[in-house]
Amino acid sequence: MFTGHMTGCRRNMLPGIDMTPLSWGEKTIMVRFDLLKGSQLPVHHHVHEQTGYLVSGRLRLTIGDHTYHAAAGDSWCIPTDVAHCAEALEDCVAIEIFSPLREDYLPSDGLY
């Protein structure tokens, strides 16, 4: 198991959205998302429960049928298989934890 910041593992996920894996174990992964103002995460869902914390910026977050305006210091939880999307209203940094482990977010060098 690796813990610590993976400076070389930041990768672009969508236009204006970068992801960096920070730490993981057998059942969870914690990642940092950097979102540029105006970037959008389209509606999607997955088997992972997702909890998040907005470090900086402002974010419009839709979880199921509810839309929230998150500011720095706010947090959320997205249950398994619930549709969600987001739009960065300002440049944002968010930390999120996924369970079970999202293997697609692990560094490509196989370090585990």
N, C-alpha and C. Protein backbone atom coordinates (compact mmCIF):
# COMPACT_ATOMS: atom_id res chain seq x y z
N MET A 1 0.85 -1.18 0.00
CA MET A 1 0.00 0.00 0.00
C MET A 1 0.89 1.24 0.00
N PHE A 2 0.51 2.22 -0.78
CA PHE A 2 1.23 3.48 -0.86
C PHE A 2 0.42 4.56 -0.17
N THR A 3 1.09 5.42 0.58
CA THR A 3 0.43 6.61 1.10
C THR A 3 1.33 7.79 0.80
N GLY A 4 0.73 8.92 0.47
CA GLY A 4 1.49 10.11 0.17
C GLY A 4 1.10 10.67 -1.18
N HIS A 5 1.58 11.84 -1.48
CA HIS A 5 1.20 12.54 -2.71
C HIS A 5 1.96 11.98 -3.89
N MET A 6 1.24 11.67 -4.94
CA MET A 6 1.83 11.13 -6.17
C MET A 6 2.01 12.26 -7.17
N THR A 7 3.07 13.04 -7.03
CA THR A 7 3.25 14.25 -7.85
C THR A 7 3.31 13.95 -9.34
N GLY A 8 3.83 12.81 -9.72
CA GLY A 8 3.96 12.50 -11.14
C GLY A 8 2.75 11.82 -11.73
N CYS A 9 1.71 11.62 -10.96
CA CYS A 9 0.57 10.84 -11.43
C CYS A 9 -0.67 11.66 -11.75
N ARG A 10 -0.55 12.97 -11.78
CA ARG A 10 -1.70 13.81 -12.14
C ARG A 10 -2.02 13.56 -13.60
N ARG A 11 -3.32 13.35 -13.87
CA ARG A 11 -3.70 13.14 -15.26
C ARG A 11 -5.02 13.83 -15.56
N ASN A 12 -5.16 14.21 -16.81
CA ASN A 12 -6.36 14.88 -17.27
C ASN A 12 -7.46 13.86 -17.47
N MET A 13 -8.63 14.12 -16.87
CA MET A 13 -9.77 13.21 -16.98
C MET A 13 -10.77 13.70 -18.03
N LEU A 14 -11.02 15.00 -18.01
CA LEU A 14 -11.95 15.66 -18.93
C LEU A 14 -11.40 17.07 -19.15
N PRO A 15 -11.90 17.79 -20.17
CA PRO A 15 -11.41 19.16 -20.35
C PRO A 15 -11.57 19.99 -19.07
N GLY A 16 -10.45 20.50 -18.58
CA GLY A 16 -10.45 21.35 -17.39
C GLY A 16 -10.51 20.60 -16.07
N ILE A 17 -10.44 19.26 -16.10
CA ILE A 17 -10.52 18.46 -14.87
C ILE A 17 -9.34 17.49 -14.82
N ASP A 18 -8.48 17.68 -13.82
CA ASP A 18 -7.35 16.78 -13.59
C ASP A 18 -7.57 16.00 -12.30
N MET A 19 -7.02 14.79 -12.25
CA MET A 19 -7.15 13.91 -11.09
C MET A 19 -5.77 13.43 -10.67
N THR A 20 -5.53 13.41 -9.36
CA THR A 20 -4.29 12.89 -8.80
C THR A 20 -4.63 11.91 -7.68
N PRO A 21 -4.21 10.64 -7.81
CA PRO A 21 -4.42 9.71 -6.69
C PRO A 21 -3.50 10.11 -5.53
N LEU A 22 -4.06 10.18 -4.33
CA LEU A 22 -3.27 10.58 -3.16
C LEU A 22 -2.88 9.41 -2.29
N SER A 23 -3.83 8.53 -2.02
CA SER A 23 -3.57 7.40 -1.14
C SER A 23 -4.64 6.34 -1.38
N TRP A 24 -4.28 5.07 -1.17
CA TRP A 24 -5.26 4.01 -1.37
C TRP A 24 -4.89 2.79 -0.55
N GLY A 25 -5.89 1.93 -0.38
CA GLY A 25 -5.71 0.66 0.30
C GLY A 25 -6.47 -0.40 -0.47
N GLU A 26 -6.86 -1.45 0.20
CA GLU A 26 -7.57 -2.53 -0.48
C GLU A 26 -9.01 -2.16 -0.83
N LYS A 27 -9.64 -1.26 -0.05
CA LYS A 27 -11.06 -0.99 -0.21
C LYS A 27 -11.40 0.45 -0.60
N THR A 28 -10.46 1.38 -0.47
CA THR A 28 -10.75 2.79 -0.76
C THR A 28 -9.59 3.44 -1.52
N ILE A 29 -9.92 4.55 -2.16
CA ILE A 29 -8.90 5.40 -2.78
C ILE A 29 -9.29 6.86 -2.52
N MET A 30 -8.31 7.69 -2.19
CA MET A 30 -8.51 9.12 -2.01
C MET A 30 -7.81 9.84 -3.17
N VAL A 31 -8.55 10.74 -3.83
CA VAL A 31 -8.00 11.45 -4.98
C VAL A 31 -8.23 12.95 -4.83
N ARG A 32 -7.41 13.70 -5.52
CA ARG A 32 -7.57 15.16 -5.61
C ARG A 32 -8.03 15.47 -7.02
N PHE A 33 -9.06 16.31 -7.11
CA PHE A 33 -9.53 16.81 -8.39
C PHE A 33 -9.25 18.31 -8.46
N ASP A 34 -8.64 18.74 -9.55
CA ASP A 34 -8.44 20.16 -9.84
C ASP A 34 -9.35 20.48 -11.02
N LEU A 35 -10.30 21.40 -10.79
CA LEU A 35 -11.28 21.76 -11.81
C LEU A 35 -11.14 23.24 -12.15
N LEU A 36 -11.02 23.54 -13.44
CA LEU A 36 -10.98 24.92 -13.88
C LEU A 36 -12.39 25.47 -13.98
N LYS A 37 -12.53 26.76 -13.71
CA LYS A 37 -13.83 27.42 -13.80
C LYS A 37 -14.49 27.09 -15.15
N GLY A 38 -15.76 26.69 -15.08
CA GLY A 38 -16.51 26.36 -16.29
C GLY A 38 -16.44 24.91 -16.70
N SER A 39 -15.51 24.14 -16.12
CA SER A 39 -15.42 22.72 -16.49
C SER A 39 -16.64 21.98 -15.96
N GLN A 40 -17.01 20.93 -16.69
CA GLN A 40 -18.21 20.18 -16.34
C GLN A 40 -17.94 18.69 -16.30
N LEU A 41 -18.48 18.08 -15.28
CA LEU A 41 -18.47 16.63 -15.15
C LEU A 41 -19.85 16.16 -15.57
N PRO A 42 -19.99 15.44 -16.69
CA PRO A 42 -21.31 15.05 -17.17
C PRO A 42 -22.01 14.07 -16.23
N VAL A 43 -23.31 13.95 -16.40
CA VAL A 43 -24.10 13.03 -15.58
C VAL A 43 -23.57 11.61 -15.78
N HIS A 44 -23.34 10.94 -14.66
CA HIS A 44 -22.87 9.56 -14.69
C HIS A 44 -23.21 8.90 -13.35
N HIS A 45 -22.98 7.63 -13.25
CA HIS A 45 -23.13 6.89 -11.99
C HIS A 45 -22.15 5.73 -12.02
N HIS A 46 -21.88 5.18 -10.85
CA HIS A 46 -20.94 4.07 -10.75
C HIS A 46 -21.23 3.30 -9.46
N VAL A 47 -20.61 2.15 -9.33
CA VAL A 47 -20.85 1.29 -8.16
C VAL A 47 -20.17 1.80 -6.90
N HIS A 48 -19.35 2.82 -7.03
CA HIS A 48 -18.58 3.32 -5.90
C HIS A 48 -19.37 4.33 -5.08
N GLU A 49 -19.36 4.18 -3.75
CA GLU A 49 -19.82 5.26 -2.88
C GLU A 49 -18.72 6.32 -2.93
N GLN A 50 -19.12 7.59 -2.93
CA GLN A 50 -18.17 8.68 -3.13
C GLN A 50 -18.43 9.77 -2.09
N THR A 51 -17.43 10.07 -1.28
CA THR A 51 -17.54 11.19 -0.34
C THR A 51 -16.53 12.24 -0.75
N GLY A 52 -16.90 13.51 -0.60
CA GLY A 52 -16.02 14.57 -1.05
C GLY A 52 -15.98 15.75 -0.12
N TYR A 53 -14.92 16.55 -0.27
CA TYR A 53 -14.70 17.77 0.51
C TYR A 53 -14.14 18.81 -0.45
N LEU A 54 -14.77 19.98 -0.49
CA LEU A 54 -14.30 21.05 -1.36
C LEU A 54 -13.28 21.90 -0.61
N VAL A 55 -12.03 21.82 -1.04
CA VAL A 55 -10.93 22.54 -0.41
C VAL A 55 -10.99 24.02 -0.76
N SER A 56 -11.25 24.31 -2.05
CA SER A 56 -11.31 25.70 -2.50
C SER A 56 -12.23 25.82 -3.69
N GLY A 57 -12.77 27.03 -3.89
CA GLY A 57 -13.62 27.30 -5.03
C GLY A 57 -15.10 27.14 -4.72
N ARG A 58 -15.89 27.18 -5.79
CA ARG A 58 -17.34 26.98 -5.70
C ARG A 58 -17.75 26.00 -6.79
N LEU A 59 -18.69 25.11 -6.46
CA LEU A 59 -19.07 24.02 -7.33
C LEU A 59 -20.58 23.85 -7.30
N ARG A 60 -21.21 23.68 -8.47
CA ARG A 60 -22.62 23.29 -8.52
C ARG A 60 -22.63 21.78 -8.69
N LEU A 61 -23.21 21.09 -7.73
CA LEU A 61 -23.19 19.63 -7.67
C LEU A 61 -24.61 19.11 -7.65
N THR A 62 -24.95 18.26 -8.60
CA THR A 62 -26.26 17.63 -8.63
C THR A 62 -26.09 16.16 -8.28
N ILE A 63 -26.82 15.74 -7.26
CA ILE A 63 -26.81 14.35 -6.79
C ILE A 63 -28.26 13.87 -6.84
N GLY A 64 -28.55 12.93 -7.73
CA GLY A 64 -29.93 12.50 -7.90
C GLY A 64 -30.76 13.67 -8.39
N ASP A 65 -31.84 13.99 -7.67
CA ASP A 65 -32.75 15.08 -8.06
C ASP A 65 -32.45 16.39 -7.36
N HIS A 66 -31.35 16.47 -6.61
CA HIS A 66 -31.06 17.66 -5.80
C HIS A 66 -29.79 18.34 -6.31
N THR A 67 -29.85 19.66 -6.42
CA THR A 67 -28.70 20.46 -6.83
C THR A 67 -28.24 21.30 -5.65
N TYR A 68 -26.94 21.30 -5.40
CA TYR A 68 -26.33 22.03 -4.29
C TYR A 68 -25.29 23.00 -4.84
N HIS A 69 -25.11 24.10 -4.16
CA HIS A 69 -24.03 25.04 -4.46
C HIS A 69 -23.01 24.90 -3.33
N ALA A 70 -21.93 24.21 -3.61
CA ALA A 70 -20.90 23.94 -2.60
C ALA A 70 -19.84 25.03 -2.63
N ALA A 71 -19.38 25.41 -1.44
CA ALA A 71 -18.29 26.37 -1.28
C ALA A 71 -17.18 25.70 -0.48
N ALA A 72 -16.01 26.31 -0.49
CA ALA A 72 -14.87 25.75 0.26
C ALA A 72 -15.31 25.41 1.68
N GLY A 73 -14.98 24.20 2.11
CA GLY A 73 -15.35 23.71 3.44
C GLY A 73 -16.57 22.82 3.44
N ASP A 74 -17.32 22.77 2.33
CA ASP A 74 -18.49 21.90 2.25
C ASP A 74 -18.08 20.47 1.88
N SER A 75 -18.95 19.52 2.25
CA SER A 75 -18.69 18.12 1.93
C SER A 75 -19.98 17.46 1.46
N TRP A 76 -19.85 16.26 0.89
CA TRP A 76 -21.01 15.54 0.35
C TRP A 76 -20.73 14.04 0.35
N CYS A 77 -21.82 13.30 0.16
CA CYS A 77 -21.73 11.86 -0.02
C CYS A 77 -22.66 11.46 -1.16
N ILE A 78 -22.14 10.71 -2.10
CA ILE A 78 -22.93 10.23 -3.24
C ILE A 78 -23.05 8.71 -3.09
N PRO A 79 -24.27 8.23 -2.86
CA PRO A 79 -24.46 6.78 -2.70
C PRO A 79 -24.15 6.00 -3.98
N THR A 80 -23.98 4.73 -3.84
CA THR A 80 -23.75 3.81 -4.95
C THR A 80 -24.85 3.95 -6.01
N ASP A 81 -24.45 4.01 -7.26
CA ASP A 81 -25.34 4.01 -8.43
C ASP A 81 -26.32 5.17 -8.50
N VAL A 82 -26.05 6.28 -7.82
CA VAL A 82 -26.89 7.48 -7.93
C VAL A 82 -26.27 8.41 -8.98
N ALA A 83 -27.09 8.85 -9.94
CA ALA A 83 -26.61 9.74 -10.99
C ALA A 83 -26.17 11.08 -10.37
N HIS A 84 -25.07 11.62 -10.87
CA HIS A 84 -24.56 12.90 -10.37
C HIS A 84 -23.74 13.59 -11.46
N CYS A 85 -23.62 14.93 -11.31
CA CYS A 85 -22.83 15.73 -12.23
C CYS A 85 -22.37 16.98 -11.48
N ALA A 86 -21.45 17.73 -12.08
CA ALA A 86 -20.93 18.92 -11.42
C ALA A 86 -20.47 19.93 -12.45
N GLU A 87 -20.47 21.21 -12.02
CA GLU A 87 -19.91 22.29 -12.81
C GLU A 87 -19.11 23.19 -11.88
N ALA A 88 -17.88 23.50 -12.27
CA ALA A 88 -17.03 24.38 -11.48
C ALA A 88 -17.44 25.83 -11.73
N LEU A 89 -17.91 26.50 -10.68
CA LEU A 89 -18.30 27.91 -10.80
C LEU A 89 -17.11 28.83 -10.64
N GLU A 90 -16.04 28.31 -10.05
CA GLU A 90 -14.73 28.95 -9.91
C GLU A 90 -13.70 27.83 -10.05
N ASP A 91 -12.42 28.17 -10.15
CA ASP A 91 -11.39 27.15 -10.06
C ASP A 91 -11.57 26.44 -8.72
N CYS A 92 -11.50 25.11 -8.72
CA CYS A 92 -11.79 24.33 -7.51
C CYS A 92 -10.72 23.28 -7.27
N VAL A 93 -10.57 22.93 -5.99
CA VAL A 93 -9.82 21.75 -5.59
C VAL A 93 -10.76 20.95 -4.69
N ALA A 94 -10.96 19.68 -5.03
CA ALA A 94 -11.81 18.79 -4.23
C ALA A 94 -11.03 17.53 -3.91
N ILE A 95 -11.25 17.01 -2.71
CA ILE A 95 -10.70 15.73 -2.29
C ILE A 95 -11.87 14.76 -2.19
N GLU A 96 -11.73 13.59 -2.82
CA GLU A 96 -12.82 12.61 -2.79
C GLU A 96 -12.28 11.23 -2.48
N ILE A 97 -13.12 10.47 -1.80
CA ILE A 97 -12.80 9.08 -1.44
C ILE A 97 -13.84 8.18 -2.08
N PHE A 98 -13.37 7.11 -2.71
CA PHE A 98 -14.24 6.16 -3.38
C PHE A 98 -14.09 4.78 -2.73
N SER A 99 -15.22 4.11 -2.55
CA SER A 99 -15.23 2.75 -2.04
C SER A 99 -16.31 1.97 -2.79
N PRO A 100 -16.00 0.79 -3.32
CA PRO A 100 -14.71 0.11 -3.26
C PRO A 100 -13.64 0.84 -4.08
N LEU A 101 -12.44 0.37 -3.96
CA LEU A 101 -11.29 0.94 -4.66
C LEU A 101 -11.58 1.09 -6.15
N ARG A 102 -11.32 2.28 -6.68
CA ARG A 102 -11.41 2.51 -8.13
C ARG A 102 -10.06 2.19 -8.74
N GLU A 103 -9.93 1.00 -9.26
CA GLU A 103 -8.65 0.60 -9.83
C GLU A 103 -8.29 1.43 -11.05
N ASP A 104 -9.29 1.99 -11.75
CA ASP A 104 -9.01 2.82 -12.90
C ASP A 104 -8.36 4.15 -12.52
N TYR A 105 -8.36 4.50 -11.22
CA TYR A 105 -7.71 5.73 -10.75
C TYR A 105 -6.30 5.48 -10.22
N LEU A 106 -5.87 4.22 -10.15
CA LEU A 106 -4.52 3.93 -9.69
C LEU A 106 -3.49 4.40 -10.72
N PRO A 107 -2.28 4.73 -10.27
CA PRO A 107 -1.23 5.13 -11.20
C PRO A 107 -0.96 4.03 -12.21
N SER A 108 -0.64 4.41 -13.43
CA SER A 108 -0.45 3.45 -14.51
C SER A 108 0.82 2.62 -14.35
N ASP A 109 1.73 3.05 -13.45
CA ASP A 109 2.98 2.28 -13.29
C ASP A 109 2.79 1.03 -12.44
N GLY A 110 1.57 0.80 -11.95
CA GLY A 110 1.28 -0.41 -11.21
C GLY A 110 1.72 -0.38 -9.76
N LEU A 111 2.29 0.72 -9.30
CA LEU A 111 2.71 0.82 -7.89
C LEU A 111 1.48 0.66 -7.01
N TYR A 112 1.53 -0.31 -6.11
CA TYR A 112 0.37 -0.58 -5.24
C TYR A 112 0.80 -1.01 -3.88
